[in-house]
Amino acid sequence: MKEQPTNLDIIELIKSTKTELSQVIQSTRKETFDEVRTTNSEILEAIQSFASSVDERFDRVDQRFERLEGRVTNIDSVMATKADLAGMATKADLARMVTKDYLDDKLANLHSDIVRFVKRRVPGWSEA
C-alpha cells in the first residue's frame, strides 16, 4: 500500500511550489518589462520619425507662405486702390460716352457737307 503524505510533506511541497511559482512570476515580469521597454523604444522612434517628417513639411509650408507674402506685396504695390478707381469712368460716364458708330455717322455727314460746300464755292472742282 502506498503511504499517505504527511502534513509536513504537504507543507514542504507547497513551499517548494510557491518558490518555483515566485521564480516563474519574477522571470515573466522581467521578460514582460523588457518587452514593454522594447515596445516603448519602438514607439518613441516612430514618434520621432513622424515628428521629423512633420517638421520638414512645416518648413516647406513656411517657404510657400513666404513666397506668397512676396507675391502679395508685389500685387499691393501695383494694385489700384479705391481712391484710384474713384477718378476713373463709371458706368454712367460710359453710357454718355460717344460710340464709334455715332462718330462714323457724324464724319460721313460732315464729309458730305464739305463736298457740297466745295462744289458750290469752287468752280470746276466737280469736273476734275
N, C-alpha and C. Protein backbone atom coordinates (compact mmCIF):
# COMPACT_ATOMS: atom_id res chain seq x y z
N MET A 1 0.81 -1.18 0.00
CA MET A 1 0.00 0.00 0.00
C MET A 1 0.86 1.25 0.00
N LYS A 2 0.32 2.19 -0.61
CA LYS A 2 1.05 3.45 -0.69
C LYS A 2 0.88 4.19 0.60
N GLU A 3 1.91 4.81 0.91
CA GLU A 3 1.89 5.58 2.15
C GLU A 3 1.33 6.97 1.88
N GLN A 4 0.48 7.43 2.72
CA GLN A 4 -0.13 8.75 2.59
C GLN A 4 0.87 9.82 3.02
N PRO A 5 0.90 10.98 2.29
CA PRO A 5 1.84 12.03 2.68
C PRO A 5 1.42 12.66 4.00
N THR A 6 2.37 13.08 4.71
CA THR A 6 2.09 13.71 6.00
C THR A 6 1.86 15.21 5.76
N ASN A 7 1.40 15.86 6.78
CA ASN A 7 1.17 17.31 6.71
C ASN A 7 2.47 18.06 6.42
N LEU A 8 3.55 17.58 7.00
CA LEU A 8 4.85 18.22 6.76
C LEU A 8 5.26 18.08 5.30
N ASP A 9 4.99 16.91 4.74
CA ASP A 9 5.32 16.69 3.33
C ASP A 9 4.52 17.66 2.45
N ILE A 10 3.27 17.80 2.77
CA ILE A 10 2.40 18.69 2.01
C ILE A 10 2.87 20.14 2.13
N ILE A 11 3.23 20.54 3.35
CA ILE A 11 3.71 21.90 3.59
C ILE A 11 5.00 22.14 2.82
N GLU A 12 5.90 21.18 2.81
CA GLU A 12 7.17 21.30 2.09
C GLU A 12 6.91 21.41 0.58
N LEU A 13 5.95 20.61 0.11
CA LEU A 13 5.61 20.65 -1.31
C LEU A 13 5.02 22.01 -1.69
N ILE A 14 4.18 22.53 -0.81
CA ILE A 14 3.57 23.85 -1.04
C ILE A 14 4.66 24.92 -1.06
N LYS A 15 5.60 24.86 -0.13
CA LYS A 15 6.68 25.84 -0.08
C LYS A 15 7.54 25.78 -1.34
N SER A 16 7.86 24.59 -1.77
CA SER A 16 8.70 24.47 -2.96
C SER A 16 7.93 24.95 -4.21
N THR A 17 6.65 24.63 -4.26
CA THR A 17 5.82 25.09 -5.38
C THR A 17 5.71 26.61 -5.37
N LYS A 18 5.56 27.16 -4.15
CA LYS A 18 5.47 28.61 -4.01
C LYS A 18 6.76 29.26 -4.50
N THR A 19 7.89 28.67 -4.14
CA THR A 19 9.18 29.21 -4.55
C THR A 19 9.32 29.13 -6.07
N GLU A 20 8.94 28.01 -6.64
CA GLU A 20 9.03 27.86 -8.10
C GLU A 20 8.10 28.86 -8.81
N LEU A 21 6.88 29.00 -8.31
CA LEU A 21 5.94 29.95 -8.89
C LEU A 21 6.46 31.38 -8.79
N SER A 22 7.06 31.70 -7.66
CA SER A 22 7.62 33.02 -7.46
C SER A 22 8.72 33.30 -8.47
N GLN A 23 9.56 32.28 -8.71
CA GLN A 23 10.65 32.44 -9.69
C GLN A 23 10.08 32.61 -11.12
N VAL A 24 9.06 31.83 -11.43
CA VAL A 24 8.45 31.93 -12.76
C VAL A 24 7.82 33.31 -12.94
N ILE A 25 7.12 33.79 -11.91
CA ILE A 25 6.48 35.11 -11.98
C ILE A 25 7.55 36.19 -12.13
N GLN A 26 8.63 36.09 -11.37
CA GLN A 26 9.72 37.07 -11.45
C GLN A 26 10.32 37.11 -12.85
N SER A 27 10.59 35.95 -13.41
CA SER A 27 11.20 35.92 -14.75
C SER A 27 10.19 36.41 -15.80
N THR A 28 8.91 36.07 -15.61
CA THR A 28 7.89 36.53 -16.54
C THR A 28 7.75 38.05 -16.47
N ARG A 29 7.79 38.58 -15.24
CA ARG A 29 7.73 40.03 -15.09
C ARG A 29 8.91 40.70 -15.77
N LYS A 30 10.09 40.14 -15.56
CA LYS A 30 11.29 40.73 -16.15
C LYS A 30 11.19 40.70 -17.67
N GLU A 31 10.75 39.57 -18.24
CA GLU A 31 10.59 39.47 -19.69
C GLU A 31 9.53 40.46 -20.18
N THR A 32 8.42 40.57 -19.44
CA THR A 32 7.35 41.49 -19.82
C THR A 32 7.85 42.93 -19.78
N PHE A 33 8.58 43.28 -18.72
CA PHE A 33 9.13 44.64 -18.64
C PHE A 33 10.11 44.91 -19.76
N ASP A 34 10.93 43.92 -20.08
CA ASP A 34 11.88 44.08 -21.19
C ASP A 34 11.12 44.29 -22.50
N GLU A 35 10.04 43.53 -22.70
CA GLU A 35 9.22 43.69 -23.91
C GLU A 35 8.57 45.07 -23.94
N VAL A 36 8.10 45.53 -22.77
CA VAL A 36 7.47 46.85 -22.69
C VAL A 36 8.51 47.93 -23.01
N ARG A 37 9.72 47.79 -22.47
CA ARG A 37 10.78 48.76 -22.76
C ARG A 37 11.08 48.78 -24.26
N THR A 38 11.18 47.58 -24.85
CA THR A 38 11.45 47.48 -26.28
C THR A 38 10.31 48.13 -27.08
N THR A 39 9.08 47.82 -26.69
CA THR A 39 7.93 48.40 -27.38
C THR A 39 7.91 49.91 -27.22
N ASN A 40 8.19 50.39 -26.02
CA ASN A 40 8.24 51.84 -25.79
C ASN A 40 9.32 52.48 -26.65
N SER A 41 10.46 51.84 -26.76
CA SER A 41 11.54 52.38 -27.59
C SER A 41 11.11 52.46 -29.05
N GLU A 42 10.44 51.41 -29.52
CA GLU A 42 9.97 51.41 -30.91
C GLU A 42 8.94 52.52 -31.13
N ILE A 43 8.05 52.69 -30.17
CA ILE A 43 7.03 53.74 -30.27
C ILE A 43 7.70 55.12 -30.29
N LEU A 44 8.67 55.33 -29.42
CA LEU A 44 9.37 56.61 -29.39
C LEU A 44 10.13 56.87 -30.68
N GLU A 45 10.73 55.84 -31.25
CA GLU A 45 11.41 56.02 -32.53
C GLU A 45 10.42 56.39 -33.64
N ALA A 46 9.26 55.74 -33.63
CA ALA A 46 8.24 56.05 -34.64
C ALA A 46 7.74 57.49 -34.47
N ILE A 47 7.53 57.90 -33.22
CA ILE A 47 7.08 59.28 -32.96
C ILE A 47 8.14 60.27 -33.41
N GLN A 48 9.41 59.97 -33.13
CA GLN A 48 10.50 60.84 -33.55
C GLN A 48 10.56 60.96 -35.07
N SER A 49 10.41 59.84 -35.76
CA SER A 49 10.41 59.85 -37.22
C SER A 49 9.25 60.67 -37.75
N PHE A 50 8.07 60.49 -37.18
CA PHE A 50 6.89 61.24 -37.60
C PHE A 50 7.09 62.74 -37.34
N ALA A 51 7.63 63.06 -36.17
CA ALA A 51 7.85 64.48 -35.84
C ALA A 51 8.85 65.11 -36.82
N SER A 52 9.85 64.38 -37.20
CA SER A 52 10.83 64.91 -38.16
C SER A 52 10.17 65.17 -39.51
N SER A 53 9.33 64.23 -39.96
CA SER A 53 8.67 64.45 -41.25
C SER A 53 7.68 65.61 -41.17
N VAL A 54 7.01 65.77 -40.04
CA VAL A 54 6.08 66.89 -39.87
C VAL A 54 6.87 68.21 -39.87
N ASP A 55 8.02 68.23 -39.22
CA ASP A 55 8.86 69.43 -39.22
C ASP A 55 9.28 69.81 -40.64
N GLU A 56 9.66 68.82 -41.43
CA GLU A 56 10.07 69.08 -42.81
C GLU A 56 8.90 69.65 -43.61
N ARG A 57 7.71 69.08 -43.41
CA ARG A 57 6.54 69.56 -44.13
C ARG A 57 6.19 70.98 -43.71
N PHE A 58 6.29 71.29 -42.42
CA PHE A 58 6.03 72.65 -41.96
C PHE A 58 7.05 73.64 -42.53
N ASP A 59 8.29 73.19 -42.65
CA ASP A 59 9.31 74.06 -43.25
C ASP A 59 8.94 74.39 -44.70
N ARG A 60 8.47 73.37 -45.44
CA ARG A 60 8.06 73.61 -46.83
C ARG A 60 6.85 74.55 -46.88
N VAL A 61 5.93 74.38 -45.96
CA VAL A 61 4.74 75.25 -45.92
C VAL A 61 5.18 76.68 -45.60
N ASP A 62 6.11 76.84 -44.66
CA ASP A 62 6.63 78.17 -44.34
C ASP A 62 7.25 78.83 -45.57
N GLN A 63 8.01 78.06 -46.33
CA GLN A 63 8.63 78.61 -47.54
C GLN A 63 7.57 79.05 -48.54
N ARG A 64 6.51 78.24 -48.67
CA ARG A 64 5.44 78.60 -49.60
C ARG A 64 4.75 79.89 -49.14
N PHE A 65 4.51 80.02 -47.83
CA PHE A 65 3.89 81.24 -47.32
C PHE A 65 4.78 82.45 -47.55
N GLU A 66 6.07 82.29 -47.39
CA GLU A 66 6.99 83.41 -47.63
C GLU A 66 6.92 83.85 -49.09
N ARG A 67 6.86 82.87 -50.02
CA ARG A 67 6.73 83.23 -51.44
C ARG A 67 5.41 83.94 -51.70
N LEU A 68 4.33 83.46 -51.07
CA LEU A 68 3.03 84.11 -51.24
C LEU A 68 3.04 85.53 -50.69
N GLU A 69 3.68 85.72 -49.55
CA GLU A 69 3.77 87.07 -48.98
C GLU A 69 4.49 88.01 -49.94
N GLY A 70 5.54 87.51 -50.57
CA GLY A 70 6.27 88.33 -51.54
C GLY A 70 5.40 88.68 -52.73
N ARG A 71 4.61 87.71 -53.20
CA ARG A 71 3.73 87.98 -54.33
C ARG A 71 2.64 88.97 -53.95
N VAL A 72 2.07 88.83 -52.75
CA VAL A 72 1.02 89.74 -52.30
C VAL A 72 1.58 91.15 -52.16
N THR A 73 2.78 91.27 -51.63
CA THR A 73 3.42 92.58 -51.51
C THR A 73 3.59 93.21 -52.88
N ASN A 74 4.01 92.41 -53.85
CA ASN A 74 4.18 92.91 -55.22
C ASN A 74 2.83 93.33 -55.79
N ILE A 75 1.79 92.55 -55.57
CA ILE A 75 0.46 92.90 -56.07
C ILE A 75 -0.02 94.19 -55.41
N ASP A 76 0.19 94.32 -54.12
CA ASP A 76 -0.21 95.55 -53.42
C ASP A 76 0.47 96.78 -54.00
N SER A 77 1.70 96.63 -54.43
CA SER A 77 2.43 97.79 -54.94
C SER A 77 1.91 98.25 -56.31
N VAL A 78 1.32 97.36 -57.08
CA VAL A 78 0.84 97.74 -58.41
C VAL A 78 -0.68 97.80 -58.51
N MET A 79 -1.37 97.42 -57.46
CA MET A 79 -2.83 97.35 -57.50
C MET A 79 -3.45 98.73 -57.31
N ALA A 80 -4.58 98.96 -58.01
CA ALA A 80 -5.31 100.22 -57.87
C ALA A 80 -6.12 100.20 -56.58
N THR A 81 -6.16 101.35 -55.91
CA THR A 81 -6.94 101.46 -54.68
C THR A 81 -8.31 102.05 -54.98
N LYS A 82 -9.16 102.13 -53.98
CA LYS A 82 -10.48 102.75 -54.16
C LYS A 82 -10.34 104.21 -54.58
N ALA A 83 -9.37 104.87 -54.00
CA ALA A 83 -9.14 106.28 -54.36
C ALA A 83 -8.74 106.39 -55.83
N ASP A 84 -7.91 105.44 -56.30
CA ASP A 84 -7.51 105.45 -57.71
C ASP A 84 -8.73 105.22 -58.61
N LEU A 85 -9.57 104.29 -58.23
CA LEU A 85 -10.74 103.95 -59.03
C LEU A 85 -11.80 105.04 -59.02
N ALA A 86 -11.82 105.84 -57.97
CA ALA A 86 -12.82 106.91 -57.87
C ALA A 86 -12.64 107.93 -58.99
N GLY A 87 -11.42 108.13 -59.44
CA GLY A 87 -11.16 109.09 -60.51
C GLY A 87 -11.39 108.53 -61.90
N MET A 88 -11.73 107.26 -62.01
CA MET A 88 -11.93 106.64 -63.32
C MET A 88 -13.39 106.72 -63.74
N ALA A 89 -13.66 106.37 -64.96
CA ALA A 89 -15.01 106.43 -65.51
C ALA A 89 -15.93 105.42 -64.83
N THR A 90 -17.17 105.85 -64.63
CA THR A 90 -18.19 104.97 -64.06
C THR A 90 -19.08 104.44 -65.17
N LYS A 91 -20.04 103.61 -64.84
CA LYS A 91 -20.98 103.09 -65.84
C LYS A 91 -21.79 104.22 -66.44
N ALA A 92 -22.17 105.19 -65.62
CA ALA A 92 -22.93 106.34 -66.13
C ALA A 92 -22.08 107.13 -67.12
N ASP A 93 -20.79 107.29 -66.81
CA ASP A 93 -19.91 108.00 -67.74
C ASP A 93 -19.81 107.25 -69.06
N LEU A 94 -19.70 105.95 -68.98
CA LEU A 94 -19.58 105.14 -70.19
C LEU A 94 -20.87 105.19 -71.01
N ALA A 95 -22.02 105.29 -70.36
CA ALA A 95 -23.29 105.37 -71.07
C ALA A 95 -23.38 106.68 -71.85
N ARG A 96 -22.80 107.76 -71.35
CA ARG A 96 -22.82 109.06 -72.03
C ARG A 96 -21.73 109.20 -73.08
N MET A 97 -20.82 108.25 -73.10
CA MET A 97 -19.67 108.35 -73.99
C MET A 97 -20.10 108.13 -75.45
N VAL A 98 -19.43 108.84 -76.36
CA VAL A 98 -19.71 108.76 -77.79
C VAL A 98 -19.19 107.43 -78.32
N THR A 99 -20.00 106.78 -79.18
CA THR A 99 -19.58 105.49 -79.74
C THR A 99 -18.95 105.69 -81.10
N LYS A 100 -18.32 104.66 -81.61
CA LYS A 100 -17.67 104.71 -82.93
C LYS A 100 -18.71 104.89 -84.02
N ASP A 101 -19.83 104.19 -83.91
CA ASP A 101 -20.89 104.33 -84.93
C ASP A 101 -21.38 105.77 -85.01
N TYR A 102 -21.57 106.38 -83.87
CA TYR A 102 -22.02 107.77 -83.84
C TYR A 102 -21.01 108.67 -84.53
N LEU A 103 -19.75 108.47 -84.22
CA LEU A 103 -18.70 109.29 -84.84
C LEU A 103 -18.61 109.04 -86.34
N ASP A 104 -18.76 107.79 -86.77
CA ASP A 104 -18.73 107.47 -88.20
C ASP A 104 -19.87 108.20 -88.93
N ASP A 105 -21.07 108.17 -88.35
CA ASP A 105 -22.21 108.86 -88.97
C ASP A 105 -21.95 110.36 -89.05
N LYS A 106 -21.47 110.97 -87.98
CA LYS A 106 -21.18 112.41 -87.97
C LYS A 106 -20.11 112.77 -88.99
N LEU A 107 -19.08 111.95 -89.07
CA LEU A 107 -17.99 112.21 -90.02
C LEU A 107 -18.50 112.10 -91.45
N ALA A 108 -19.35 111.12 -91.73
CA ALA A 108 -19.92 110.98 -93.08
C ALA A 108 -20.79 112.19 -93.42
N ASN A 109 -21.60 112.65 -92.48
CA ASN A 109 -22.42 113.84 -92.71
C ASN A 109 -21.55 115.06 -92.95
N LEU A 110 -20.50 115.23 -92.15
CA LEU A 110 -19.61 116.36 -92.31
C LEU A 110 -18.91 116.31 -93.67
N HIS A 111 -18.49 115.14 -94.07
CA HIS A 111 -17.83 114.96 -95.36
C HIS A 111 -18.77 115.38 -96.50
N SER A 112 -20.01 114.92 -96.43
CA SER A 112 -20.97 115.30 -97.49
C SER A 112 -21.24 116.80 -97.47
N ASP A 113 -21.30 117.40 -96.28
CA ASP A 113 -21.49 118.85 -96.19
C ASP A 113 -20.32 119.60 -96.82
N ILE A 114 -19.12 119.16 -96.57
CA ILE A 114 -17.92 119.80 -97.12
C ILE A 114 -17.89 119.65 -98.64
N VAL A 115 -18.23 118.45 -99.11
CA VAL A 115 -18.23 118.22 -100.56
C VAL A 115 -19.25 119.14 -101.22
N ARG A 116 -20.45 119.26 -100.69
CA ARG A 116 -21.46 120.16 -101.25
C ARG A 116 -20.98 121.61 -101.23
N PHE A 117 -20.37 122.01 -100.10
CA PHE A 117 -19.88 123.39 -99.97
C PHE A 117 -18.82 123.68 -101.03
N VAL A 118 -17.87 122.74 -101.18
CA VAL A 118 -16.78 122.94 -102.13
C VAL A 118 -17.34 122.97 -103.55
N LYS A 119 -18.31 122.14 -103.88
CA LYS A 119 -18.89 122.12 -105.22
C LYS A 119 -19.54 123.46 -105.54
N ARG A 120 -20.17 124.04 -104.55
CA ARG A 120 -20.82 125.33 -104.77
C ARG A 120 -19.80 126.47 -104.85
N ARG A 121 -18.78 126.44 -104.09
CA ARG A 121 -17.86 127.56 -103.95
C ARG A 121 -16.68 127.49 -104.94
N VAL A 122 -16.22 126.33 -105.27
CA VAL A 122 -15.02 126.21 -106.10
C VAL A 122 -15.46 125.84 -107.51
N PRO A 123 -15.26 126.75 -108.46
CA PRO A 123 -15.67 126.44 -109.84
C PRO A 123 -14.78 125.38 -110.45
N GLY A 124 -15.35 124.44 -111.13
CA GLY A 124 -14.61 123.40 -111.84
C GLY A 124 -14.10 122.28 -110.94
N TRP A 125 -14.45 122.29 -109.69
CA TRP A 125 -13.93 121.24 -108.78
C TRP A 125 -14.58 119.89 -109.07
N SER A 126 -15.86 119.85 -109.38
CA SER A 126 -16.52 118.57 -109.60
C SER A 126 -16.16 117.97 -110.93
N GLU A 127 -15.59 118.77 -111.83
CA GLU A 127 -15.24 118.27 -113.14
C GLU A 127 -13.89 117.55 -113.13
N ALA A 128 -13.06 117.84 -112.20
CA ALA A 128 -11.72 117.31 -112.18
C ALA A 128 -11.67 115.90 -111.72
